[in-house]
Amino acid sequence: MPSNVEIKARVANRDAAANIIRRMVLEEPELHQTDTFFDAPAARLKLREFGDGSADLIWYRRSNSTGPKESVSLPQS
């Protein structure tokens, strides 16, 4: 089952952080997306729309704790 780890961080200087990231990758990724979140009782549900017009409906579980959190994709039925 696919999963990912989400880490959110505050930075004092966004430009400096962006420069560090640019040095860490071979080519600068460009991602245009819009996430719309829905109230779902058993898990989290979001619609992720991409700049090219495609979209994914994503159903997953993730804890509400602070720090790194694993998100586990749920099977589609």
Protein backbone atom coordinates (compact mmCIF):
# COMPACT_ATOMS: atom_id res chain seq x y z
CA MET A 1 0.00 0.00 0.00
CA PRO A 2 1.56 3.39 -0.95
CA SER A 3 2.48 5.81 1.81
CA ASN A 4 4.46 8.99 2.30
CA VAL A 5 5.83 11.01 5.19
CA GLU A 6 4.77 14.62 5.53
CA ILE A 7 7.00 17.14 7.22
CA LYS A 8 6.02 20.79 7.54
CA ALA A 9 8.49 23.41 8.69
CA ARG A 10 8.55 27.15 9.26
CA VAL A 11 11.38 29.09 7.67
CA ALA A 12 12.56 32.57 8.56
CA ASN A 13 13.76 33.35 5.04
CA ARG A 14 11.81 31.75 2.20
CA ASP A 15 14.29 32.82 -0.50
CA ALA A 16 17.24 31.32 1.38
CA ALA A 17 15.33 28.05 1.88
CA ALA A 18 14.43 27.96 -1.83
CA ASN A 19 18.10 28.45 -2.76
CA ILE A 20 19.13 25.53 -0.54
CA ILE A 21 16.49 23.31 -2.14
CA ARG A 22 17.62 24.34 -5.64
CA ARG A 23 21.18 23.28 -4.81
CA MET A 24 19.90 19.89 -3.61
CA VAL A 25 18.07 18.92 -6.82
CA LEU A 26 19.36 18.53 -10.36
CA GLU A 27 16.49 20.36 -11.96
CA GLU A 28 13.95 22.60 -10.33
CA PRO A 29 10.57 20.89 -10.08
CA GLU A 30 7.56 22.93 -11.05
CA LEU A 31 4.26 21.70 -9.71
CA HIS A 32 0.96 23.48 -10.11
CA GLN A 33 -1.83 21.92 -8.11
CA THR A 34 -4.88 22.83 -6.07
CA ASP A 35 -6.08 20.65 -3.19
CA THR A 36 -9.72 20.73 -2.07
CA PHE A 37 -10.38 18.95 1.23
CA PHE A 38 -13.68 17.29 2.13
CA ASP A 39 -15.17 16.38 5.50
CA ALA A 40 -15.00 12.58 5.63
CA PRO A 41 -15.85 10.65 8.83
CA ALA A 42 -13.49 7.66 8.49
CA ALA A 43 -10.40 9.21 6.88
CA ARG A 44 -9.18 12.26 4.95
CA LEU A 45 -10.42 12.97 1.46
CA LYS A 46 -9.05 15.49 -1.00
CA LEU A 47 -9.37 16.32 -4.66
CA ARG A 48 -5.99 17.24 -6.16
CA GLU A 49 -6.33 19.18 -9.42
CA PHE A 50 -3.23 19.65 -11.58
CA GLY A 51 -2.35 22.52 -13.89
CA ASP A 52 -2.76 20.28 -16.95
CA GLY A 53 -6.46 19.70 -16.16
CA SER A 54 -6.05 16.19 -14.71
CA ALA A 55 -7.08 15.37 -11.14
CA ASP A 56 -6.81 12.67 -8.46
CA LEU A 57 -9.26 11.86 -5.70
CA ILE A 58 -7.10 10.88 -2.71
CA TRP A 59 -8.41 9.04 0.36
CA TYR A 60 -5.88 8.55 3.17
CA ARG A 61 -5.28 8.27 6.91
CA ARG A 62 -2.86 10.45 8.86
CA SER A 63 -2.59 11.24 12.56
CA ASN A 64 -3.20 14.72 13.95
CA SER A 65 0.06 14.65 15.92
CA THR A 66 2.88 17.17 15.59
CA GLY A 67 6.13 16.30 13.83
CA PRO A 68 6.63 13.96 10.87
CA LYS A 69 3.47 12.05 9.99
CA GLU A 70 3.03 9.03 7.75
CA SER A 71 0.09 9.23 5.37
CA VAL A 72 -1.28 5.89 4.24
CA SER A 73 -3.30 5.76 1.02
CA LEU A 74 -6.46 3.74 1.34
CA PRO A 75 -7.64 1.30 -1.32
CA GLN A 76 -10.16 2.63 -3.81
CA SER A 77 -13.41 0.71 -4.06
